[in-house]
All heavy atoms as atom14 arrays in JSON, in Angstrom:
{
  "sequence": "DFPMLWKGLTLVRGGMEPQDVVSILRNMAVANQVDLLESLLVIDG",
  "atom14_mask": [
    [1, 1, 1, 1, 1, 1, 1, 1, 0, 0, 0, 0, 0, 0],
    [1, 1, 1, 1, 1, 1, 1, 1, 1, 1, 1, 0, 0, 0],
    [1, 1, 1, 1, 1, 1, 1, 0, 0, 0, 0, 0, 0, 0],
    [1, 1, 1, 1, 1, 1, 1, 1, 0, 0, 0, 0, 0, 0],
    [1, 1, 1, 1, 1, 1, 1, 1, 0, 0, 0, 0, 0, 0],
    [1, 1, 1, 1, 1, 1, 1, 1, 1, 1, 1, 1, 1, 1],
    [1, 1, 1, 1, 1, 1, 1, 1, 1, 0, 0, 0, 0, 0],
    [1, 1, 1, 1, 0, 0, 0, 0, 0, 0, 0, 0, 0, 0],
    [1, 1, 1, 1, 1, 1, 1, 1, 0, 0, 0, 0, 0, 0],
    [1, 1, 1, 1, 1, 1, 1, 0, 0, 0, 0, 0, 0, 0],
    [1, 1, 1, 1, 1, 1, 1, 1, 0, 0, 0, 0, 0, 0],
    [1, 1, 1, 1, 1, 1, 1, 0, 0, 0, 0, 0, 0, 0],
    [1, 1, 1, 1, 1, 1, 1, 1, 1, 1, 1, 0, 0, 0],
    [1, 1, 1, 1, 0, 0, 0, 0, 0, 0, 0, 0, 0, 0],
    [1, 1, 1, 1, 0, 0, 0, 0, 0, 0, 0, 0, 0, 0],
    [1, 1, 1, 1, 1, 1, 1, 1, 0, 0, 0, 0, 0, 0],
    [1, 1, 1, 1, 1, 1, 1, 1, 1, 0, 0, 0, 0, 0],
    [1, 1, 1, 1, 1, 1, 1, 0, 0, 0, 0, 0, 0, 0],
    [1, 1, 1, 1, 1, 1, 1, 1, 1, 0, 0, 0, 0, 0],
    [1, 1, 1, 1, 1, 1, 1, 1, 0, 0, 0, 0, 0, 0],
    [1, 1, 1, 1, 1, 1, 1, 0, 0, 0, 0, 0, 0, 0],
    [1, 1, 1, 1, 1, 1, 1, 0, 0, 0, 0, 0, 0, 0],
    [1, 1, 1, 1, 1, 1, 0, 0, 0, 0, 0, 0, 0, 0],
    [1, 1, 1, 1, 1, 1, 1, 1, 0, 0, 0, 0, 0, 0],
    [1, 1, 1, 1, 1, 1, 1, 1, 0, 0, 0, 0, 0, 0],
    [1, 1, 1, 1, 1, 1, 1, 1, 1, 1, 1, 0, 0, 0],
    [1, 1, 1, 1, 1, 1, 1, 1, 0, 0, 0, 0, 0, 0],
    [1, 1, 1, 1, 1, 1, 1, 1, 0, 0, 0, 0, 0, 0],
    [1, 1, 1, 1, 1, 0, 0, 0, 0, 0, 0, 0, 0, 0],
    [1, 1, 1, 1, 1, 1, 1, 0, 0, 0, 0, 0, 0, 0],
    [1, 1, 1, 1, 1, 0, 0, 0, 0, 0, 0, 0, 0, 0],
    [1, 1, 1, 1, 1, 1, 1, 1, 0, 0, 0, 0, 0, 0],
    [1, 1, 1, 1, 1, 1, 1, 1, 1, 0, 0, 0, 0, 0],
    [1, 1, 1, 1, 1, 1, 1, 0, 0, 0, 0, 0, 0, 0],
    [1, 1, 1, 1, 1, 1, 1, 1, 0, 0, 0, 0, 0, 0],
    [1, 1, 1, 1, 1, 1, 1, 1, 0, 0, 0, 0, 0, 0],
    [1, 1, 1, 1, 1, 1, 1, 1, 0, 0, 0, 0, 0, 0],
    [1, 1, 1, 1, 1, 1, 1, 1, 1, 0, 0, 0, 0, 0],
    [1, 1, 1, 1, 1, 1, 0, 0, 0, 0, 0, 0, 0, 0],
    [1, 1, 1, 1, 1, 1, 1, 1, 0, 0, 0, 0, 0, 0],
    [1, 1, 1, 1, 1, 1, 1, 1, 0, 0, 0, 0, 0, 0],
    [1, 1, 1, 1, 1, 1, 1, 0, 0, 0, 0, 0, 0, 0],
    [1, 1, 1, 1, 1, 1, 1, 1, 0, 0, 0, 0, 0, 0],
    [1, 1, 1, 1, 1, 1, 1, 1, 0, 0, 0, 0, 0, 0],
    [1, 1, 1, 1, 0, 0, 0, 0, 0, 0, 0, 0, 0, 0]
  ],
  "atom14_positions": [
    [[0.81, -1.23, 0.0], [0.0, 0.0, 0.0], [0.84, 1.27, 0.0], [0.31, 2.37, -0.14], [-0.93, 0.02, 1.22], [-2.04, -1.0, 1.12], [-2.33, -1.47, -0.01], [-2.61, -1.36, 2.17], [0.0, 0.0, 0.0], [0.0, 0.0, 0.0], [0.0, 0.0, 0.0], [0.0, 0.0, 0.0], [0.0, 0.0, 0.0], [0.0, 0.0, 0.0]],
    [[2.14, 1.12, 0.18], [3.05, 2.26, 0.24], [4.24, 2.01, -0.7], [5.36, 1.72, -0.25], [3.54, 2.48, 1.67], [2.44, 2.72, 2.66], [2.0, 1.69, 3.48], [1.83, 3.96, 2.75], [0.98, 1.91, 4.4], [0.8, 4.18, 3.65], [0.37, 3.15, 4.49], [0.0, 0.0, 0.0], [0.0, 0.0, 0.0], [0.0, 0.0, 0.0]],
    [[4.02, 2.14, -2.02], [5.09, 1.83, -2.98], [6.34, 2.71, -2.81], [7.45, 2.27, -3.07], [4.44, 2.05, -4.35], [3.17, 2.78, -4.1], [2.79, 2.54, -2.68], [0.0, 0.0, 0.0], [0.0, 0.0, 0.0], [0.0, 0.0, 0.0], [0.0, 0.0, 0.0], [0.0, 0.0, 0.0], [0.0, 0.0, 0.0], [0.0, 0.0, 0.0]],
    [[6.15, 3.94, -2.34], [7.29, 4.81, -2.13], [8.18, 4.26, -1.01], [9.41, 4.32, -1.09], [6.8, 6.22, -1.8], [7.87, 7.27, -1.86], [7.12, 8.91, -1.72], [8.26, 9.66, -0.62], [0.0, 0.0, 0.0], [0.0, 0.0, 0.0], [0.0, 0.0, 0.0], [0.0, 0.0, 0.0], [0.0, 0.0, 0.0], [0.0, 0.0, 0.0]],
    [[7.56, 3.72, 0.02], [8.32, 3.11, 1.12], [9.11, 1.91, 0.61], [10.3, 1.77, 0.9], [7.39, 2.68, 2.26], [8.04, 1.93, 3.42], [9.13, 2.75, 4.08], [6.98, 1.5, 4.42], [0.0, 0.0, 0.0], [0.0, 0.0, 0.0], [0.0, 0.0, 0.0], [0.0, 0.0, 0.0], [0.0, 0.0, 0.0], [0.0, 0.0, 0.0]],
    [[8.47, 1.05, -0.16], [9.17, -0.13, -0.67], [10.35, 0.28, -1.56], [11.43, -0.3, -1.48], [8.23, -1.07, -1.41], [8.96, -2.26, -1.95], [9.15, -2.59, -3.24], [9.65, -3.26, -1.19], [9.91, -3.72, -3.34], [10.24, -4.16, -2.1], [9.85, -3.47, 0.18], [11.01, -5.25, -1.7], [10.61, -4.56, 0.57], [11.18, -5.44, -0.35]],
    [[10.13, 1.29, -2.4], [11.21, 1.77, -3.27], [12.4, 2.24, -2.42], [13.55, 1.89, -2.69], [10.71, 2.91, -4.16], [11.76, 3.47, -5.09], [12.21, 2.42, -6.08], [13.11, 3.02, -7.14], [13.52, 2.01, -8.11], [0.0, 0.0, 0.0], [0.0, 0.0, 0.0], [0.0, 0.0, 0.0], [0.0, 0.0, 0.0], [0.0, 0.0, 0.0]],
    [[12.12, 3.02, -1.39], [13.18, 3.5, -0.51], [13.92, 2.37, 0.18], [15.15, 2.37, 0.27], [0.0, 0.0, 0.0], [0.0, 0.0, 0.0], [0.0, 0.0, 0.0], [0.0, 0.0, 0.0], [0.0, 0.0, 0.0], [0.0, 0.0, 0.0], [0.0, 0.0, 0.0], [0.0, 0.0, 0.0], [0.0, 0.0, 0.0], [0.0, 0.0, 0.0]],
    [[13.18, 1.38, 0.65], [13.8, 0.23, 1.32], [14.69, -0.57, 0.37], [15.77, -1.01, 0.75], [12.72, -0.67, 1.93], [11.95, -0.08, 3.1], [10.8, -0.99, 3.49], [12.86, 0.2, 4.3], [0.0, 0.0, 0.0], [0.0, 0.0, 0.0], [0.0, 0.0, 0.0], [0.0, 0.0, 0.0], [0.0, 0.0, 0.0], [0.0, 0.0, 0.0]],
    [[14.24, -0.74, -0.87], [15.07, -1.48, -1.83], [16.33, -0.7, -2.19], [17.39, -1.31, -2.39], [14.28, -1.85, -3.11], [13.78, -0.67, -3.72], [13.15, -2.8, -2.8], [0.0, 0.0, 0.0], [0.0, 0.0, 0.0], [0.0, 0.0, 0.0], [0.0, 0.0, 0.0], [0.0, 0.0, 0.0], [0.0, 0.0, 0.0], [0.0, 0.0, 0.0]],
    [[16.23, 0.62, -2.23], [17.42, 1.44, -2.49], [18.43, 1.31, -1.35], [19.63, 1.2, -1.57], [17.04, 2.9, -2.71], [16.19, 3.2, -3.95], [15.72, 4.65, -3.92], [16.94, 2.9, -5.22], [0.0, 0.0, 0.0], [0.0, 0.0, 0.0], [0.0, 0.0, 0.0], [0.0, 0.0, 0.0], [0.0, 0.0, 0.0], [0.0, 0.0, 0.0]],
    [[17.91, 1.32, -0.13], [18.77, 1.16, 1.06], [19.41, -0.22, 1.04], [20.62, -0.37, 1.24], [17.96, 1.36, 2.36], [18.73, 0.88, 3.58], [17.59, 2.83, 2.51], [0.0, 0.0, 0.0], [0.0, 0.0, 0.0], [0.0, 0.0, 0.0], [0.0, 0.0, 0.0], [0.0, 0.0, 0.0], [0.0, 0.0, 0.0], [0.0, 0.0, 0.0]],
    [[18.62, -1.24, 0.78], [19.13, -2.61, 0.74], [20.2, -2.77, -0.35], [21.15, -3.52, -0.21], [17.98, -3.6, 0.52], [18.4, -5.05, 0.51], [18.85, -5.47, 1.91], [19.33, -6.84, 1.89], [20.61, -7.19, 1.8], [21.54, -6.29, 1.72], [20.96, -8.46, 1.81], [0.0, 0.0, 0.0], [0.0, 0.0, 0.0], [0.0, 0.0, 0.0]],
    [[20.03, -2.01, -1.42], [21.0, -2.05, -2.52], [22.27, -1.26, -2.25], [23.19, -1.26, -3.07], [0.0, 0.0, 0.0], [0.0, 0.0, 0.0], [0.0, 0.0, 0.0], [0.0, 0.0, 0.0], [0.0, 0.0, 0.0], [0.0, 0.0, 0.0], [0.0, 0.0, 0.0], [0.0, 0.0, 0.0], [0.0, 0.0, 0.0], [0.0, 0.0, 0.0]],
    [[22.33, -0.56, -1.13], [23.54, 0.16, -0.76], [23.69, 1.55, -1.36], [24.79, 2.09, -1.41], [0.0, 0.0, 0.0], [0.0, 0.0, 0.0], [0.0, 0.0, 0.0], [0.0, 0.0, 0.0], [0.0, 0.0, 0.0], [0.0, 0.0, 0.0], [0.0, 0.0, 0.0], [0.0, 0.0, 0.0], [0.0, 0.0, 0.0], [0.0, 0.0, 0.0]],
    [[22.59, 2.15, -1.79], [22.66, 3.48, -2.39], [22.98, 4.55, -1.33], [22.59, 4.41, -0.17], [21.33, 3.82, -3.08], [21.41, 5.08, -3.91], [20.01, 5.25, -5.01], [20.46, 4.11, -6.3], [0.0, 0.0, 0.0], [0.0, 0.0, 0.0], [0.0, 0.0, 0.0], [0.0, 0.0, 0.0], [0.0, 0.0, 0.0], [0.0, 0.0, 0.0]],
    [[23.68, 5.57, -1.74], [24.05, 6.67, -0.84], [22.8, 7.37, -0.29], [21.82, 7.56, -1.03], [24.92, 7.69, -1.58], [26.28, 7.18, -1.96], [27.16, 6.9, -0.76], [27.12, 7.64, 0.23], [27.9, 5.89, -0.81], [0.0, 0.0, 0.0], [0.0, 0.0, 0.0], [0.0, 0.0, 0.0], [0.0, 0.0, 0.0], [0.0, 0.0, 0.0]],
    [[22.83, 7.79, 0.99], [21.66, 8.41, 1.61], [21.1, 9.61, 0.84], [19.88, 9.74, 0.67], [22.17, 8.84, 2.99], [23.28, 7.89, 3.27], [23.92, 7.61, 1.94], [0.0, 0.0, 0.0], [0.0, 0.0, 0.0], [0.0, 0.0, 0.0], [0.0, 0.0, 0.0], [0.0, 0.0, 0.0], [0.0, 0.0, 0.0], [0.0, 0.0, 0.0]],
    [[21.97, 10.51, 0.35], [21.46, 11.7, -0.36], [20.79, 11.3, -1.68], [19.83, 11.95, -2.12], [22.56, 12.75, -0.59], [23.68, 12.32, -1.51], [24.82, 11.58, -0.82], [24.68, 11.1, 0.31], [25.95, 11.49, -1.48], [0.0, 0.0, 0.0], [0.0, 0.0, 0.0], [0.0, 0.0, 0.0], [0.0, 0.0, 0.0], [0.0, 0.0, 0.0]],
    [[21.25, 10.22, -2.3], [20.62, 9.74, -3.53], [19.25, 9.14, -3.24], [18.3, 9.33, -4.0], [21.51, 8.71, -4.24], [22.81, 9.33, -4.74], [22.84, 10.55, -5.01], [23.81, 8.59, -4.86], [0.0, 0.0, 0.0], [0.0, 0.0, 0.0], [0.0, 0.0, 0.0], [0.0, 0.0, 0.0], [0.0, 0.0, 0.0], [0.0, 0.0, 0.0]],
    [[19.15, 8.41, -2.13], [17.86, 7.83, -1.74], [16.84, 8.94, -1.52], [15.72, 8.88, -2.03], [18.0, 6.96, -0.47], [16.64, 6.51, 0.04], [18.9, 5.75, -0.74], [0.0, 0.0, 0.0], [0.0, 0.0, 0.0], [0.0, 0.0, 0.0], [0.0, 0.0, 0.0], [0.0, 0.0, 0.0], [0.0, 0.0, 0.0], [0.0, 0.0, 0.0]],
    [[17.23, 9.98, -0.8], [16.33, 11.11, -0.53], [15.91, 11.78, -1.84], [14.72, 12.07, -2.04], [16.97, 12.13, 0.43], [16.15, 13.41, 0.52], [17.16, 11.52, 1.81], [0.0, 0.0, 0.0], [0.0, 0.0, 0.0], [0.0, 0.0, 0.0], [0.0, 0.0, 0.0], [0.0, 0.0, 0.0], [0.0, 0.0, 0.0], [0.0, 0.0, 0.0]],
    [[16.84, 12.01, -2.74], [16.51, 12.66, -4.01], [15.53, 11.82, -4.83], [14.57, 12.35, -5.39], [17.78, 12.89, -4.84], [18.59, 13.84, -4.21], [0.0, 0.0, 0.0], [0.0, 0.0, 0.0], [0.0, 0.0, 0.0], [0.0, 0.0, 0.0], [0.0, 0.0, 0.0], [0.0, 0.0, 0.0], [0.0, 0.0, 0.0], [0.0, 0.0, 0.0]],
    [[15.76, 10.53, -4.89], [14.87, 9.65, -5.65], [13.48, 9.63, -5.03], [12.47, 9.73, -5.73], [15.47, 8.23, -5.74], [16.7, 8.26, -6.66], [14.44, 7.22, -6.25], [17.55, 7.01, -6.62], [0.0, 0.0, 0.0], [0.0, 0.0, 0.0], [0.0, 0.0, 0.0], [0.0, 0.0, 0.0], [0.0, 0.0, 0.0], [0.0, 0.0, 0.0]],
    [[13.41, 9.54, -3.7], [12.1, 9.52, -3.04], [11.37, 10.85, -3.2], [10.15, 10.88, -3.41], [12.26, 9.16, -1.56], [12.71, 7.72, -1.28], [12.89, 7.51, 0.22], [11.73, 6.71, -1.86], [0.0, 0.0, 0.0], [0.0, 0.0, 0.0], [0.0, 0.0, 0.0], [0.0, 0.0, 0.0], [0.0, 0.0, 0.0], [0.0, 0.0, 0.0]],
    [[12.1, 11.94, -3.12], [11.49, 13.27, -3.32], [10.92, 13.37, -4.74], [9.78, 13.79, -4.93], [12.52, 14.37, -3.07], [11.93, 15.76, -3.18], [12.97, 16.85, -3.06], [13.96, 16.7, -4.13], [15.28, 16.68, -3.94], [15.77, 16.81, -2.73], [16.1, 16.54, -4.95], [0.0, 0.0, 0.0], [0.0, 0.0, 0.0], [0.0, 0.0, 0.0]],
    [[11.69, 12.95, -5.72], [11.21, 12.98, -7.1], [10.0, 12.09, -7.29], [9.04, 12.45, -7.99], [12.33, 12.56, -8.07], [13.47, 13.55, -8.1], [13.35, 14.68, -7.64], [14.6, 13.12, -8.63], [0.0, 0.0, 0.0], [0.0, 0.0, 0.0], [0.0, 0.0, 0.0], [0.0, 0.0, 0.0], [0.0, 0.0, 0.0], [0.0, 0.0, 0.0]],
    [[10.03, 10.92, -6.67], [8.92, 9.98, -6.76], [7.65, 10.58, -6.14], [6.55, 10.44, -6.69], [9.29, 8.67, -6.06], [8.33, 7.56, -6.26], [8.99, 6.06, -5.47], [7.65, 4.94, -5.86], [0.0, 0.0, 0.0], [0.0, 0.0, 0.0], [0.0, 0.0, 0.0], [0.0, 0.0, 0.0], [0.0, 0.0, 0.0], [0.0, 0.0, 0.0]],
    [[7.8, 11.27, -5.01], [6.66, 11.9, -4.35], [6.02, 12.96, -5.24], [4.8, 13.01, -5.38], [7.1, 12.52, -3.02], [0.0, 0.0, 0.0], [0.0, 0.0, 0.0], [0.0, 0.0, 0.0], [0.0, 0.0, 0.0], [0.0, 0.0, 0.0], [0.0, 0.0, 0.0], [0.0, 0.0, 0.0], [0.0, 0.0, 0.0], [0.0, 0.0, 0.0]],
    [[6.85, 13.78, -5.86], [6.35, 14.84, -6.73], [5.71, 14.26, -7.98], [4.6, 14.63, -8.36], [7.48, 15.84, -7.08], [7.03, 16.83, -8.14], [7.94, 16.58, -5.82], [0.0, 0.0, 0.0], [0.0, 0.0, 0.0], [0.0, 0.0, 0.0], [0.0, 0.0, 0.0], [0.0, 0.0, 0.0], [0.0, 0.0, 0.0], [0.0, 0.0, 0.0]],
    [[6.38, 13.32, -8.62], [5.87, 12.74, -9.87], [4.55, 12.0, -9.66], [3.7, 11.98, -10.56], [6.9, 11.79, -10.46], [0.0, 0.0, 0.0], [0.0, 0.0, 0.0], [0.0, 0.0, 0.0], [0.0, 0.0, 0.0], [0.0, 0.0, 0.0], [0.0, 0.0, 0.0], [0.0, 0.0, 0.0], [0.0, 0.0, 0.0], [0.0, 0.0, 0.0]],
    [[4.36, 11.41, -8.49], [3.16, 10.62, -8.22], [2.15, 11.34, -7.34], [1.17, 10.74, -6.9], [3.55, 9.28, -7.59], [4.33, 8.42, -8.55], [3.77, 7.85, -9.46], [5.64, 8.35, -8.36], [0.0, 0.0, 0.0], [0.0, 0.0, 0.0], [0.0, 0.0, 0.0], [0.0, 0.0, 0.0], [0.0, 0.0, 0.0], [0.0, 0.0, 0.0]],
    [[2.43, 12.63, -7.03], [1.54, 13.43, -6.18], [1.16, 12.7, -4.88], [-0.01, 12.62, -4.49], [0.28, 13.83, -6.95], [0.52, 14.88, -8.01], [0.99, 16.19, -7.38], [0.27, 16.8, -6.6], [2.19, 16.61, -7.71], [0.0, 0.0, 0.0], [0.0, 0.0, 0.0], [0.0, 0.0, 0.0], [0.0, 0.0, 0.0], [0.0, 0.0, 0.0]],
    [[2.17, 12.14, -4.23], [1.98, 11.46, -2.95], [1.65, 12.53, -1.91], [2.19, 13.63, -1.94], [3.25, 10.67, -2.57], [3.1, 9.99, -1.22], [3.57, 9.64, -3.64], [0.0, 0.0, 0.0], [0.0, 0.0, 0.0], [0.0, 0.0, 0.0], [0.0, 0.0, 0.0], [0.0, 0.0, 0.0], [0.0, 0.0, 0.0], [0.0, 0.0, 0.0]],
    [[0.78, 12.2, -0.98], [0.41, 13.11, 0.1], [1.67, 13.63, 0.81], [2.62, 12.88, 1.0], [-0.49, 12.36, 1.09], [-0.81, 13.17, 2.32], [-1.54, 14.18, 2.19], [-0.32, 12.8, 3.4], [0.0, 0.0, 0.0], [0.0, 0.0, 0.0], [0.0, 0.0, 0.0], [0.0, 0.0, 0.0], [0.0, 0.0, 0.0], [0.0, 0.0, 0.0]],
    [[1.66, 14.91, 1.18], [2.82, 15.53, 1.82], [3.23, 14.8, 3.09], [4.42, 14.47, 3.27], [2.52, 17.0, 2.14], [3.61, 17.74, 2.92], [4.9, 17.81, 2.12], [3.14, 19.13, 3.29], [0.0, 0.0, 0.0], [0.0, 0.0, 0.0], [0.0, 0.0, 0.0], [0.0, 0.0, 0.0], [0.0, 0.0, 0.0], [0.0, 0.0, 0.0]],
    [[2.29, 14.51, 3.97], [2.62, 13.85, 5.23], [3.23, 12.47, 4.95], [4.25, 12.11, 5.54], [1.39, 13.72, 6.12], [1.58, 13.01, 7.45], [2.66, 13.67, 8.29], [0.25, 12.95, 8.21], [0.0, 0.0, 0.0], [0.0, 0.0, 0.0], [0.0, 0.0, 0.0], [0.0, 0.0, 0.0], [0.0, 0.0, 0.0], [0.0, 0.0, 0.0]],
    [[2.64, 11.73, 4.04], [3.17, 10.41, 3.7], [4.59, 10.52, 3.15], [5.47, 9.74, 3.52], [2.26, 9.73, 2.68], [2.7, 8.33, 2.33], [1.7, 7.61, 1.45], [0.48, 7.84, 1.57], [2.16, 6.79, 0.62], [0.0, 0.0, 0.0], [0.0, 0.0, 0.0], [0.0, 0.0, 0.0], [0.0, 0.0, 0.0], [0.0, 0.0, 0.0]],
    [[4.82, 11.5, 2.3], [6.16, 11.7, 1.72], [7.19, 11.98, 2.8], [8.29, 11.4, 2.8], [6.14, 12.87, 0.73], [5.23, 12.64, -0.3], [0.0, 0.0, 0.0], [0.0, 0.0, 0.0], [0.0, 0.0, 0.0], [0.0, 0.0, 0.0], [0.0, 0.0, 0.0], [0.0, 0.0, 0.0], [0.0, 0.0, 0.0], [0.0, 0.0, 0.0]],
    [[6.87, 12.88, 3.72], [7.8, 13.22, 4.79], [8.07, 12.02, 5.7], [9.21, 11.78, 6.1], [7.25, 14.4, 5.6], [7.11, 15.72, 4.84], [6.38, 16.76, 5.68], [8.46, 16.24, 4.39], [0.0, 0.0, 0.0], [0.0, 0.0, 0.0], [0.0, 0.0, 0.0], [0.0, 0.0, 0.0], [0.0, 0.0, 0.0], [0.0, 0.0, 0.0]],
    [[7.02, 11.27, 6.02], [7.17, 10.09, 6.88], [8.06, 9.04, 6.21], [8.94, 8.46, 6.85], [5.81, 9.49, 7.21], [4.92, 10.32, 8.13], [3.52, 9.72, 8.2], [5.51, 10.47, 9.51], [0.0, 0.0, 0.0], [0.0, 0.0, 0.0], [0.0, 0.0, 0.0], [0.0, 0.0, 0.0], [0.0, 0.0, 0.0], [0.0, 0.0, 0.0]],
    [[7.82, 8.8, 4.93], [8.62, 7.79, 4.21], [10.07, 8.22, 4.14], [10.98, 7.42, 4.43], [8.04, 7.52, 2.8], [9.04, 6.74, 1.95], [6.72, 6.78, 2.89], [0.0, 0.0, 0.0], [0.0, 0.0, 0.0], [0.0, 0.0, 0.0], [0.0, 0.0, 0.0], [0.0, 0.0, 0.0], [0.0, 0.0, 0.0], [0.0, 0.0, 0.0]],
    [[10.32, 9.45, 3.77], [11.72, 9.9, 3.65], [12.44, 9.83, 4.98], [13.54, 9.28, 5.07], [11.79, 11.32, 3.02], [11.34, 11.25, 1.55], [13.2, 11.89, 3.13], [11.13, 12.6, 0.89], [0.0, 0.0, 0.0], [0.0, 0.0, 0.0], [0.0, 0.0, 0.0], [0.0, 0.0, 0.0], [0.0, 0.0, 0.0], [0.0, 0.0, 0.0]],
    [[11.83, 10.34, 6.04], [12.48, 10.27, 7.36], [12.6, 8.84, 7.85], [13.6, 8.45, 8.45], [11.71, 11.12, 8.38], [12.06, 12.58, 8.3], [13.01, 12.93, 7.59], [11.38, 13.39, 8.96], [0.0, 0.0, 0.0], [0.0, 0.0, 0.0], [0.0, 0.0, 0.0], [0.0, 0.0, 0.0], [0.0, 0.0, 0.0], [0.0, 0.0, 0.0]],
    [[11.57, 8.02, 7.6], [11.6, 6.63, 8.03], [12.68, 5.83, 7.33], [13.43, 5.08, 7.96], [0.0, 0.0, 0.0], [0.0, 0.0, 0.0], [0.0, 0.0, 0.0], [0.0, 0.0, 0.0], [0.0, 0.0, 0.0], [0.0, 0.0, 0.0], [0.0, 0.0, 0.0], [0.0, 0.0, 0.0], [0.0, 0.0, 0.0], [0.0, 0.0, 0.0]]
  ]
}
């Protein structure tokens, strides 16, 4: 139910740099019009 969270977790598991993970998740949130609160929670989580 939270594809942005899964994407972030797979990036972390793959060893991607933290700033790259944040940039990808931010872009994903904007491109998919994810709710602001959900976006902030996923990125911080």
